[in-house]
Amino acid sequence: MDISIFGNKIDIPDWFRNKINQNLQEITQKYFKNIVDCSVTFNKSPSDYRCQIHIHASRSLSLRGEANADNVQESFNIALEHLHNRLKKYKGRLITKRDHAPPAHELFEGNQYIIDNDIPLETSVESQKDAKIIDKKTTHIDTLSLQDAIMVLDLSERPVLMFKNLDNNRINVIYKQNEDRIILLDSGMIS
């Protein structure tokens, strides 16, 4: 597994890079056969250090762990522990998926827009629509069961996830209302 380690205005010594590689490989090999890529980024703020771990485990599964601490090593250890705890939560489902190839499912193409929210209210509706779009790119919408969608949302730490529900063929959106509650929005439309 290739792990990219970045330190923004921070020098990461070789011994610590080796420790990061070793720890990430130990944890990920329990759950995944082939990791696409992995990156660890450290940032220094005036009061602490921030570590962000991003693991691209498969085409449809990305994992994130992040933490702030007083030193670089502690921020990494806390982020790794946070990620590992969430992986243990889904251990049964992840190991089953690892050992058995998932059934092929259809991907839907959609458009992802980056919108500028700083548009004067006096402008016309048509000019607002054109002026607000900063960037547009194609994105894929996965077909997932509700349980898998919840797992993907939790492991990736995304704020929201849109997916085609495998159980009813409808476009659904899920998001976390708080730590204990996930909200499901069902379009009621079969795609």
N, C-alpha and C. Protein backbone atom coordinates (compact mmCIF):
# COMPACT_ATOMS: atom_id res chain seq x y z
N MET A 1 0.85 -1.17 0.00
CA MET A 1 0.00 0.00 0.00
C MET A 1 0.90 1.23 0.00
N ASP A 2 0.58 2.15 -0.88
CA ASP A 2 1.34 3.39 -0.97
C ASP A 2 0.68 4.44 -0.08
N ILE A 3 1.45 4.96 0.87
CA ILE A 3 0.93 5.96 1.80
C ILE A 3 1.67 7.27 1.57
N SER A 4 0.92 8.32 1.27
CA SER A 4 1.51 9.65 1.11
C SER A 4 1.39 10.39 2.43
N ILE A 5 2.50 10.95 2.88
CA ILE A 5 2.52 11.68 4.15
C ILE A 5 2.96 13.11 3.88
N PHE A 6 2.13 14.06 4.29
CA PHE A 6 2.40 15.47 4.05
C PHE A 6 2.44 16.22 5.37
N GLY A 7 3.37 17.13 5.48
CA GLY A 7 3.42 18.02 6.64
C GLY A 7 3.43 19.45 6.15
N ASN A 8 2.36 20.17 6.38
CA ASN A 8 2.29 21.57 5.99
C ASN A 8 3.03 22.41 7.04
N LYS A 9 4.23 22.86 6.65
CA LYS A 9 5.10 23.63 7.52
C LYS A 9 5.55 22.81 8.74
N ILE A 10 5.57 21.48 8.56
CA ILE A 10 6.00 20.56 9.62
C ILE A 10 6.95 19.55 8.99
N ASP A 11 8.08 19.33 9.62
CA ASP A 11 9.02 18.32 9.15
C ASP A 11 8.66 16.99 9.82
N ILE A 12 8.39 15.96 9.01
CA ILE A 12 8.04 14.64 9.52
C ILE A 12 9.28 13.76 9.43
N PRO A 13 9.89 13.37 10.56
CA PRO A 13 11.11 12.56 10.51
C PRO A 13 10.85 11.16 9.96
N ASP A 14 11.90 10.53 9.44
CA ASP A 14 11.78 9.20 8.83
C ASP A 14 11.24 8.16 9.80
N TRP A 15 11.69 8.18 11.07
CA TRP A 15 11.22 7.18 12.02
C TRP A 15 9.70 7.29 12.22
N PHE A 16 9.17 8.52 12.18
CA PHE A 16 7.73 8.71 12.36
C PHE A 16 6.99 8.29 11.09
N ARG A 17 7.56 8.56 9.93
CA ARG A 17 6.96 8.09 8.67
C ARG A 17 6.86 6.57 8.67
N ASN A 18 7.91 5.88 9.14
CA ASN A 18 7.88 4.42 9.22
C ASN A 18 6.81 3.93 10.18
N LYS A 19 6.67 4.61 11.31
CA LYS A 19 5.63 4.25 12.29
C LYS A 19 4.24 4.42 11.67
N ILE A 20 4.02 5.53 10.96
CA ILE A 20 2.73 5.77 10.30
C ILE A 20 2.44 4.65 9.31
N ASN A 21 3.42 4.32 8.45
CA ASN A 21 3.24 3.23 7.48
C ASN A 21 2.88 1.93 8.17
N GLN A 22 3.64 1.58 9.18
CA GLN A 22 3.42 0.31 9.88
C GLN A 22 2.04 0.26 10.53
N ASN A 23 1.66 1.30 11.26
CA ASN A 23 0.36 1.31 11.93
C ASN A 23 -0.81 1.27 10.96
N LEU A 24 -0.72 2.02 9.88
CA LEU A 24 -1.82 2.02 8.91
C LEU A 24 -1.93 0.67 8.20
N GLN A 25 -0.81 0.06 7.87
CA GLN A 25 -0.85 -1.24 7.21
C GLN A 25 -1.43 -2.31 8.13
N GLU A 26 -1.05 -2.29 9.41
CA GLU A 26 -1.60 -3.26 10.36
C GLU A 26 -3.12 -3.17 10.44
N ILE A 27 -3.62 -1.97 10.55
CA ILE A 27 -5.06 -1.79 10.71
C ILE A 27 -5.82 -2.10 9.42
N THR A 28 -5.36 -1.58 8.28
CA THR A 28 -6.13 -1.74 7.05
C THR A 28 -6.11 -3.18 6.53
N GLN A 29 -5.04 -3.92 6.75
CA GLN A 29 -4.97 -5.30 6.25
C GLN A 29 -5.98 -6.21 6.94
N LYS A 30 -6.46 -5.83 8.11
CA LYS A 30 -7.49 -6.61 8.79
C LYS A 30 -8.83 -6.54 8.04
N TYR A 31 -9.07 -5.43 7.35
CA TYR A 31 -10.39 -5.18 6.78
C TYR A 31 -10.43 -5.16 5.25
N PHE A 32 -9.29 -4.90 4.61
CA PHE A 32 -9.29 -4.72 3.16
C PHE A 32 -8.13 -5.49 2.52
N LYS A 33 -8.39 -6.04 1.33
CA LYS A 33 -7.32 -6.75 0.61
C LYS A 33 -6.40 -5.76 -0.10
N ASN A 34 -6.97 -4.85 -0.86
CA ASN A 34 -6.18 -3.90 -1.63
C ASN A 34 -6.71 -2.48 -1.41
N ILE A 35 -5.88 -1.66 -0.81
CA ILE A 35 -6.23 -0.25 -0.62
C ILE A 35 -5.81 0.51 -1.87
N VAL A 36 -6.67 1.36 -2.38
CA VAL A 36 -6.35 2.15 -3.57
C VAL A 36 -5.24 3.14 -3.24
N ASP A 37 -5.44 3.97 -2.23
CA ASP A 37 -4.39 4.88 -1.78
C ASP A 37 -4.72 5.38 -0.38
N CYS A 38 -3.71 5.98 0.23
CA CYS A 38 -3.87 6.48 1.59
C CYS A 38 -3.02 7.73 1.73
N SER A 39 -3.55 8.73 2.42
CA SER A 39 -2.76 9.94 2.69
C SER A 39 -2.95 10.37 4.13
N VAL A 40 -1.88 10.89 4.69
CA VAL A 40 -1.88 11.43 6.05
C VAL A 40 -1.34 12.86 5.94
N THR A 41 -2.10 13.82 6.43
CA THR A 41 -1.70 15.22 6.34
C THR A 41 -1.67 15.84 7.73
N PHE A 42 -0.58 16.54 8.02
CA PHE A 42 -0.43 17.23 9.29
C PHE A 42 -0.42 18.73 9.03
N ASN A 43 -1.13 19.47 9.87
CA ASN A 43 -1.17 20.93 9.81
C ASN A 43 -0.89 21.49 11.19
N LYS A 44 -0.21 22.60 11.23
CA LYS A 44 0.09 23.28 12.49
C LYS A 44 -0.79 24.52 12.57
N SER A 45 -1.51 24.64 13.68
CA SER A 45 -2.25 25.87 13.95
C SER A 45 -1.55 26.56 15.13
N PRO A 46 -1.94 27.76 15.47
CA PRO A 46 -1.27 28.45 16.58
C PRO A 46 -1.33 27.67 17.91
N SER A 47 -2.39 26.91 18.12
CA SER A 47 -2.56 26.25 19.41
C SER A 47 -2.29 24.75 19.42
N ASP A 48 -2.36 24.07 18.25
CA ASP A 48 -2.18 22.62 18.25
C ASP A 48 -1.81 22.10 16.86
N TYR A 49 -1.76 20.78 16.76
CA TYR A 49 -1.47 20.09 15.49
C TYR A 49 -2.71 19.31 15.08
N ARG A 50 -2.95 19.27 13.77
CA ARG A 50 -4.11 18.54 13.24
C ARG A 50 -3.60 17.45 12.31
N CYS A 51 -4.14 16.24 12.49
CA CYS A 51 -3.82 15.11 11.61
C CYS A 51 -5.10 14.68 10.90
N GLN A 52 -5.01 14.51 9.58
CA GLN A 52 -6.13 14.00 8.78
C GLN A 52 -5.65 12.77 8.05
N ILE A 53 -6.34 11.65 8.26
CA ILE A 53 -6.04 10.40 7.57
C ILE A 53 -7.16 10.15 6.58
N HIS A 54 -6.80 9.93 5.33
CA HIS A 54 -7.78 9.62 4.30
C HIS A 54 -7.37 8.33 3.61
N ILE A 55 -8.25 7.33 3.65
CA ILE A 55 -7.99 6.04 3.02
C ILE A 55 -9.03 5.80 1.95
N HIS A 56 -8.58 5.61 0.73
CA HIS A 56 -9.46 5.28 -0.39
C HIS A 56 -9.43 3.76 -0.50
N ALA A 57 -10.40 3.10 0.14
CA ALA A 57 -10.39 1.65 0.26
C ALA A 57 -10.89 0.94 -0.99
N SER A 58 -11.82 1.54 -1.69
CA SER A 58 -12.36 0.96 -2.93
C SER A 58 -13.02 2.08 -3.71
N ARG A 59 -13.58 1.73 -4.84
CA ARG A 59 -14.23 2.74 -5.67
C ARG A 59 -15.33 3.47 -4.92
N SER A 60 -16.03 2.76 -4.06
CA SER A 60 -17.18 3.39 -3.40
C SER A 60 -17.00 3.61 -1.90
N LEU A 61 -15.78 3.39 -1.39
CA LEU A 61 -15.61 3.54 0.06
C LEU A 61 -14.33 4.30 0.39
N SER A 62 -14.51 5.46 1.00
CA SER A 62 -13.40 6.25 1.51
C SER A 62 -13.58 6.38 3.00
N LEU A 63 -12.47 6.39 3.72
CA LEU A 63 -12.50 6.50 5.17
C LEU A 63 -11.72 7.73 5.59
N ARG A 64 -12.20 8.37 6.65
CA ARG A 64 -11.51 9.55 7.17
C ARG A 64 -11.42 9.47 8.68
N GLY A 65 -10.30 9.91 9.18
CA GLY A 65 -10.11 10.07 10.61
C GLY A 65 -9.31 11.34 10.81
N GLU A 66 -9.67 12.13 11.80
CA GLU A 66 -8.91 13.35 12.05
C GLU A 66 -8.95 13.67 13.53
N ALA A 67 -7.90 14.40 13.96
CA ALA A 67 -7.82 14.77 15.37
C ALA A 67 -6.88 15.95 15.54
N ASN A 68 -7.09 16.69 16.62
CA ASN A 68 -6.21 17.78 17.03
C ASN A 68 -5.56 17.37 18.35
N ALA A 69 -4.29 17.75 18.51
CA ALA A 69 -3.59 17.45 19.76
C ALA A 69 -2.42 18.40 19.93
N ASP A 70 -1.77 18.30 21.08
CA ASP A 70 -0.66 19.20 21.40
C ASP A 70 0.61 18.90 20.61
N ASN A 71 0.75 17.65 20.12
CA ASN A 71 1.93 17.33 19.31
C ASN A 71 1.54 16.45 18.13
N VAL A 72 2.45 16.32 17.19
CA VAL A 72 2.17 15.62 15.93
C VAL A 72 1.85 14.15 16.18
N GLN A 73 2.65 13.48 16.98
CA GLN A 73 2.45 12.05 17.21
C GLN A 73 1.10 11.78 17.89
N GLU A 74 0.76 12.59 18.85
CA GLU A 74 -0.51 12.41 19.55
C GLU A 74 -1.69 12.64 18.61
N SER A 75 -1.59 13.64 17.74
CA SER A 75 -2.69 13.89 16.79
C SER A 75 -2.87 12.69 15.86
N PHE A 76 -1.76 12.08 15.42
CA PHE A 76 -1.85 10.88 14.57
C PHE A 76 -2.47 9.73 15.35
N ASN A 77 -2.01 9.48 16.56
CA ASN A 77 -2.52 8.36 17.36
C ASN A 77 -4.02 8.49 17.62
N ILE A 78 -4.48 9.70 17.93
CA ILE A 78 -5.91 9.91 18.19
C ILE A 78 -6.72 9.72 16.91
N ALA A 79 -6.24 10.26 15.78
CA ALA A 79 -6.95 10.11 14.50
C ALA A 79 -7.01 8.64 14.11
N LEU A 80 -5.90 7.93 14.29
CA LEU A 80 -5.86 6.49 13.95
C LEU A 80 -6.81 5.70 14.85
N GLU A 81 -6.84 6.02 16.12
CA GLU A 81 -7.74 5.32 17.05
C GLU A 81 -9.20 5.60 16.69
N HIS A 82 -9.49 6.83 16.34
CA HIS A 82 -10.85 7.21 15.92
C HIS A 82 -11.27 6.38 14.70
N LEU A 83 -10.39 6.30 13.72
CA LEU A 83 -10.65 5.52 12.51
C LEU A 83 -10.80 4.03 12.84
N HIS A 84 -9.91 3.51 13.65
CA HIS A 84 -9.93 2.09 14.00
C HIS A 84 -11.21 1.72 14.75
N ASN A 85 -11.67 2.57 15.65
CA ASN A 85 -12.92 2.29 16.37
C ASN A 85 -14.11 2.19 15.44
N ARG A 86 -14.15 3.06 14.44
CA ARG A 86 -15.26 2.99 13.47
C ARG A 86 -15.14 1.76 12.58
N LEU A 87 -13.91 1.36 12.25
CA LEU A 87 -13.72 0.14 11.47
C LEU A 87 -14.17 -1.09 12.26
N LYS A 88 -13.85 -1.13 13.56
CA LYS A 88 -14.28 -2.26 14.40
C LYS A 88 -15.80 -2.35 14.46
N LYS A 89 -16.46 -1.20 14.44
CA LYS A 89 -17.93 -1.17 14.49
C LYS A 89 -18.53 -1.91 13.30
N TYR A 90 -17.89 -1.81 12.13
CA TYR A 90 -18.41 -2.43 10.91
C TYR A 90 -17.60 -3.66 10.49
N LYS A 91 -16.85 -4.23 11.42
CA LYS A 91 -15.92 -5.33 11.11
C LYS A 91 -16.59 -6.46 10.33
N GLY A 92 -17.73 -6.95 10.81
CA GLY A 92 -18.40 -8.07 10.15
C GLY A 92 -18.75 -7.77 8.71
N ARG A 93 -19.30 -6.63 8.47
CA ARG A 93 -19.71 -6.26 7.11
C ARG A 93 -18.50 -6.03 6.22
N LEU A 94 -17.44 -5.40 6.73
CA LEU A 94 -16.25 -5.13 5.93
C LEU A 94 -15.50 -6.40 5.57
N ILE A 95 -15.36 -7.32 6.52
CA ILE A 95 -14.62 -8.56 6.24
C ILE A 95 -15.41 -9.42 5.26
N THR A 96 -16.73 -9.45 5.38
CA THR A 96 -17.55 -10.19 4.41
C THR A 96 -17.36 -9.61 3.01
N LYS A 97 -17.39 -8.28 2.89
CA LYS A 97 -17.20 -7.65 1.59
C LYS A 97 -15.80 -7.90 1.06
N ARG A 98 -14.80 -7.94 1.96
CA ARG A 98 -13.42 -8.16 1.53
C ARG A 98 -13.26 -9.56 0.94
N ASP A 99 -13.86 -10.55 1.58
CA ASP A 99 -13.66 -11.94 1.17
C ASP A 99 -14.54 -12.38 0.01
N HIS A 100 -15.59 -11.66 -0.26
CA HIS A 100 -16.49 -11.99 -1.36
C HIS A 100 -16.64 -10.77 -2.25
N ALA A 101 -16.42 -10.97 -3.52
CA ALA A 101 -16.55 -9.85 -4.46
C ALA A 101 -17.99 -9.35 -4.42
N PRO A 102 -18.19 -8.05 -4.28
CA PRO A 102 -19.56 -7.54 -4.25
C PRO A 102 -20.21 -7.70 -5.62
N PRO A 103 -21.52 -7.90 -5.63
CA PRO A 103 -22.18 -8.02 -6.92
C PRO A 103 -22.06 -6.71 -7.70
N ALA A 104 -21.92 -6.86 -9.00
CA ALA A 104 -21.82 -5.66 -9.84
C ALA A 104 -23.13 -4.89 -9.74
N HIS A 105 -23.03 -3.60 -9.60
CA HIS A 105 -24.23 -2.79 -9.56
C HIS A 105 -24.03 -1.57 -10.45
N GLU A 106 -25.13 -1.02 -10.80
CA GLU A 106 -25.13 0.08 -11.74
C GLU A 106 -24.76 1.39 -11.04
N LEU A 107 -23.93 2.15 -11.71
CA LEU A 107 -23.60 3.49 -11.23
C LEU A 107 -24.40 4.49 -12.06
N PHE A 108 -24.88 5.51 -11.41
CA PHE A 108 -25.58 6.55 -12.12
C PHE A 108 -24.71 7.79 -12.15
N GLU A 109 -24.72 8.45 -13.29
CA GLU A 109 -23.97 9.69 -13.38
C GLU A 109 -24.87 10.84 -12.97
N GLY A 110 -24.29 11.75 -12.26
CA GLY A 110 -24.99 12.95 -11.86
C GLY A 110 -24.03 14.13 -12.02
N ASN A 111 -24.50 15.31 -11.74
CA ASN A 111 -23.67 16.50 -11.82
C ASN A 111 -23.46 17.06 -10.42
N GLN A 112 -22.23 17.44 -10.15
CA GLN A 112 -21.89 18.08 -8.89
C GLN A 112 -21.55 19.53 -9.22
N TYR A 113 -22.19 20.45 -8.51
CA TYR A 113 -21.98 21.88 -8.74
C TYR A 113 -21.37 22.52 -7.51
N ILE A 114 -20.44 23.42 -7.74
CA ILE A 114 -19.94 24.28 -6.67
C ILE A 114 -20.60 25.62 -6.90
N ILE A 115 -21.30 26.10 -5.87
CA ILE A 115 -22.13 27.28 -6.02
C ILE A 115 -21.61 28.40 -5.13
N ASP A 116 -21.52 29.60 -5.69
CA ASP A 116 -21.12 30.79 -4.94
C ASP A 116 -22.36 31.32 -4.22
N ASN A 117 -22.28 31.43 -2.93
CA ASN A 117 -23.41 31.87 -2.15
C ASN A 117 -23.41 33.39 -1.92
N ASP A 118 -22.47 34.11 -2.50
CA ASP A 118 -22.33 35.54 -2.26
C ASP A 118 -22.83 36.33 -3.48
N ILE A 119 -24.11 36.22 -3.79
CA ILE A 119 -24.73 36.90 -4.93
C ILE A 119 -25.72 37.93 -4.39
N PRO A 120 -25.65 39.17 -4.88
CA PRO A 120 -26.61 40.19 -4.40
C PRO A 120 -28.05 39.77 -4.67
N LEU A 121 -28.92 40.05 -3.74
CA LEU A 121 -30.32 39.65 -3.87
C LEU A 121 -31.06 40.41 -4.96
N GLU A 122 -30.55 41.58 -5.38
CA GLU A 122 -31.25 42.37 -6.38
C GLU A 122 -31.18 41.78 -7.79
N THR A 123 -30.25 40.87 -8.05
CA THR A 123 -30.10 40.34 -9.40
C THR A 123 -31.29 39.45 -9.75
N SER A 124 -31.54 39.32 -11.05
CA SER A 124 -32.68 38.53 -11.50
C SER A 124 -32.43 37.04 -11.23
N VAL A 125 -33.49 36.27 -11.20
CA VAL A 125 -33.40 34.84 -10.93
C VAL A 125 -32.51 34.16 -11.97
N GLU A 126 -32.68 34.50 -13.25
CA GLU A 126 -31.86 33.86 -14.30
C GLU A 126 -30.39 34.20 -14.17
N SER A 127 -30.06 35.46 -13.90
CA SER A 127 -28.65 35.82 -13.77
C SER A 127 -28.06 35.25 -12.48
N GLN A 128 -28.89 35.10 -11.44
CA GLN A 128 -28.41 34.47 -10.21
C GLN A 128 -28.01 33.03 -10.48
N LYS A 129 -28.85 32.33 -11.22
CA LYS A 129 -28.59 30.91 -11.51
C LYS A 129 -27.25 30.75 -12.22
N ASP A 130 -26.99 31.56 -13.23
CA ASP A 130 -25.74 31.45 -13.99
C ASP A 130 -24.55 31.94 -13.17
N ALA A 131 -24.73 33.00 -12.39
CA ALA A 131 -23.63 33.59 -11.64
C ALA A 131 -23.21 32.73 -10.45
N LYS A 132 -24.12 31.96 -9.89
CA LYS A 132 -23.82 31.18 -8.70
C LYS A 132 -22.94 29.96 -8.99
N ILE A 133 -23.04 29.37 -10.17
CA ILE A 133 -22.30 28.14 -10.47
C ILE A 133 -20.84 28.50 -10.75
N ILE A 134 -19.97 28.03 -9.86
CA ILE A 134 -18.53 28.27 -10.02
C ILE A 134 -17.88 27.14 -10.80
N ASP A 135 -18.31 25.90 -10.51
CA ASP A 135 -17.70 24.74 -11.15
C ASP A 135 -18.73 23.62 -11.24
N LYS A 136 -18.59 22.79 -12.26
CA LYS A 136 -19.48 21.66 -12.46
C LYS A 136 -18.63 20.48 -12.87
N LYS A 137 -18.88 19.32 -12.25
CA LYS A 137 -18.18 18.11 -12.68
C LYS A 137 -19.12 16.92 -12.56
N THR A 138 -18.79 15.87 -13.30
CA THR A 138 -19.59 14.66 -13.26
C THR A 138 -19.23 13.87 -12.02
N THR A 139 -20.23 13.29 -11.38
CA THR A 139 -20.02 12.46 -10.21
C THR A 139 -20.83 11.18 -10.38
N HIS A 140 -20.52 10.17 -9.59
CA HIS A 140 -21.24 8.90 -9.66
C HIS A 140 -22.08 8.71 -8.41
N ILE A 141 -23.25 8.16 -8.59
CA ILE A 141 -24.15 7.85 -7.49
C ILE A 141 -24.19 6.34 -7.38
N ASP A 142 -23.78 5.82 -6.23
CA ASP A 142 -23.71 4.38 -6.01
C ASP A 142 -25.07 3.80 -5.69
N THR A 143 -25.23 2.52 -5.98
CA THR A 143 -26.39 1.76 -5.56
C THR A 143 -25.97 0.99 -4.31
N LEU A 144 -26.65 1.27 -3.19
CA LEU A 144 -26.28 0.69 -1.90
C LEU A 144 -27.52 0.30 -1.12
N SER A 145 -27.39 -0.67 -0.24
CA SER A 145 -28.46 -0.93 0.73
C SER A 145 -28.41 0.20 1.76
N LEU A 146 -29.46 0.38 2.50
CA LEU A 146 -29.49 1.43 3.51
C LEU A 146 -28.39 1.20 4.54
N GLN A 147 -28.19 -0.07 4.96
CA GLN A 147 -27.15 -0.37 5.95
C GLN A 147 -25.77 -0.02 5.42
N ASP A 148 -25.49 -0.33 4.15
CA ASP A 148 -24.20 0.00 3.56
C ASP A 148 -24.03 1.51 3.41
N ALA A 149 -25.10 2.20 3.09
CA ALA A 149 -25.04 3.66 2.96
C ALA A 149 -24.70 4.31 4.31
N ILE A 150 -25.30 3.81 5.38
CA ILE A 150 -25.01 4.32 6.71
C ILE A 150 -23.55 4.07 7.06
N MET A 151 -23.05 2.89 6.71
CA MET A 151 -21.65 2.57 6.97
C MET A 151 -20.73 3.52 6.19
N VAL A 152 -21.02 3.75 4.92
CA VAL A 152 -20.21 4.64 4.09
C VAL A 152 -20.24 6.06 4.66
N LEU A 153 -21.41 6.53 5.05
CA LEU A 153 -21.53 7.86 5.64
C LEU A 153 -20.68 7.98 6.90
N ASP A 154 -20.75 6.98 7.76
CA ASP A 154 -20.02 7.02 9.02
C ASP A 154 -18.51 6.91 8.81
N LEU A 155 -18.07 5.99 7.97
CA LEU A 155 -16.64 5.79 7.77
C LEU A 155 -15.98 6.95 7.03
N SER A 156 -16.71 7.58 6.13
CA SER A 156 -16.13 8.67 5.35
C SER A 156 -16.25 10.02 6.05
N GLU A 157 -17.05 10.08 7.10
CA GLU A 157 -17.34 11.33 7.81
C GLU A 157 -17.88 12.41 6.88
N ARG A 158 -18.61 11.99 5.87
CA ARG A 158 -19.28 12.95 5.00
C ARG A 158 -20.45 13.57 5.76
N PRO A 159 -20.82 14.79 5.41
CA PRO A 159 -22.00 15.37 6.06
C PRO A 159 -23.30 14.79 5.50
N VAL A 160 -23.26 14.34 4.25
CA VAL A 160 -24.47 13.84 3.59
C VAL A 160 -24.07 12.84 2.51
N LEU A 161 -24.96 11.90 2.21
CA LEU A 161 -24.70 10.91 1.17
C LEU A 161 -25.96 10.67 0.36
N MET A 162 -25.84 10.80 -0.97
CA MET A 162 -26.93 10.47 -1.88
C MET A 162 -26.61 9.11 -2.50
N PHE A 163 -27.63 8.24 -2.60
CA PHE A 163 -27.41 6.92 -3.17
C PHE A 163 -28.71 6.39 -3.75
N LYS A 164 -28.59 5.40 -4.62
CA LYS A 164 -29.77 4.69 -5.11
C LYS A 164 -29.97 3.52 -4.18
N ASN A 165 -31.13 3.45 -3.55
CA ASN A 165 -31.41 2.43 -2.56
C ASN A 165 -31.59 1.08 -3.27
N LEU A 166 -30.77 0.12 -2.92
CA LEU A 166 -30.79 -1.21 -3.51
C LEU A 166 -32.12 -1.91 -3.26
N ASP A 167 -32.76 -1.59 -2.13
CA ASP A 167 -33.98 -2.28 -1.74
C ASP A 167 -35.22 -1.79 -2.49
N ASN A 168 -35.25 -0.50 -2.88
CA ASN A 168 -36.47 0.02 -3.52
C ASN A 168 -36.22 0.78 -4.83
N ASN A 169 -34.96 0.82 -5.29
CA ASN A 169 -34.58 1.49 -6.54
C ASN A 169 -34.91 2.98 -6.57
N ARG A 170 -34.98 3.63 -5.40
CA ARG A 170 -35.27 5.05 -5.36
C ARG A 170 -34.02 5.81 -4.90
N ILE A 171 -33.96 7.06 -5.32
CA ILE A 171 -32.87 7.93 -4.89
C ILE A 171 -33.15 8.35 -3.44
N ASN A 172 -32.17 8.11 -2.58
CA ASN A 172 -32.27 8.46 -1.16
C ASN A 172 -31.09 9.34 -0.76
N VAL A 173 -31.29 10.09 0.30
CA VAL A 173 -30.24 10.91 0.89
C VAL A 173 -30.26 10.63 2.38
N ILE A 174 -29.06 10.46 2.96
CA ILE A 174 -28.97 10.32 4.41
C ILE A 174 -28.00 11.35 4.95
N TYR A 175 -28.25 11.78 6.19
CA TYR A 175 -27.33 12.67 6.88
C TYR A 175 -27.48 12.48 8.38
N LYS A 176 -26.43 12.84 9.11
CA LYS A 176 -26.47 12.71 10.56
C LYS A 176 -27.10 13.96 11.16
N GLN A 177 -28.16 13.75 11.94
CA GLN A 177 -28.77 14.86 12.67
C GLN A 177 -27.95 15.13 13.93
N ASN A 178 -27.50 14.06 14.58
CA ASN A 178 -26.59 14.12 15.71
C ASN A 178 -25.88 12.76 15.78
N GLU A 179 -25.12 12.52 16.82
CA GLU A 179 -24.36 11.26 16.91
C GLU A 179 -25.25 10.03 16.97
N ASP A 180 -26.47 10.17 17.48
CA ASP A 180 -27.35 9.02 17.68
C ASP A 180 -28.43 8.87 16.62
N ARG A 181 -28.57 9.85 15.73
CA ARG A 181 -29.71 9.81 14.82
C ARG A 181 -29.29 10.14 13.40
N ILE A 182 -29.71 9.29 12.46
CA ILE A 182 -29.47 9.51 11.03
C ILE A 182 -30.82 9.75 10.37
N ILE A 183 -30.89 10.75 9.52
CA ILE A 183 -32.12 11.09 8.81
C ILE A 183 -32.04 10.53 7.40
N LEU A 184 -33.10 9.87 6.97
CA LEU A 184 -33.23 9.33 5.61
C LEU A 184 -34.26 10.13 4.86
N LEU A 185 -33.87 10.67 3.71
CA LEU A 185 -34.81 11.35 2.82
C LEU A 185 -35.03 10.44 1.61
N ASP A 186 -36.28 10.08 1.37
CA ASP A 186 -36.63 9.17 0.28
C ASP A 186 -37.37 9.98 -0.78
N SER A 187 -36.83 9.99 -2.00
CA SER A 187 -37.43 10.81 -3.06
C SER A 187 -38.80 10.29 -3.48
N GLY A 188 -39.06 9.01 -3.24
CA GLY A 188 -40.33 8.43 -3.69
C GLY A 188 -40.33 8.22 -5.19
N MET A 189 -39.22 8.56 -5.86
CA MET A 189 -39.12 8.43 -7.32
C MET A 189 -38.22 7.26 -7.66
N ILE A 190 -38.68 6.39 -8.49
CA ILE A 190 -37.89 5.28 -8.96
C ILE A 190 -37.01 5.77 -10.09
N SER A 191 -35.72 5.53 -9.98
CA SER A 191 -34.80 6.02 -11.02
C SER A 191 -34.60 4.99 -12.11
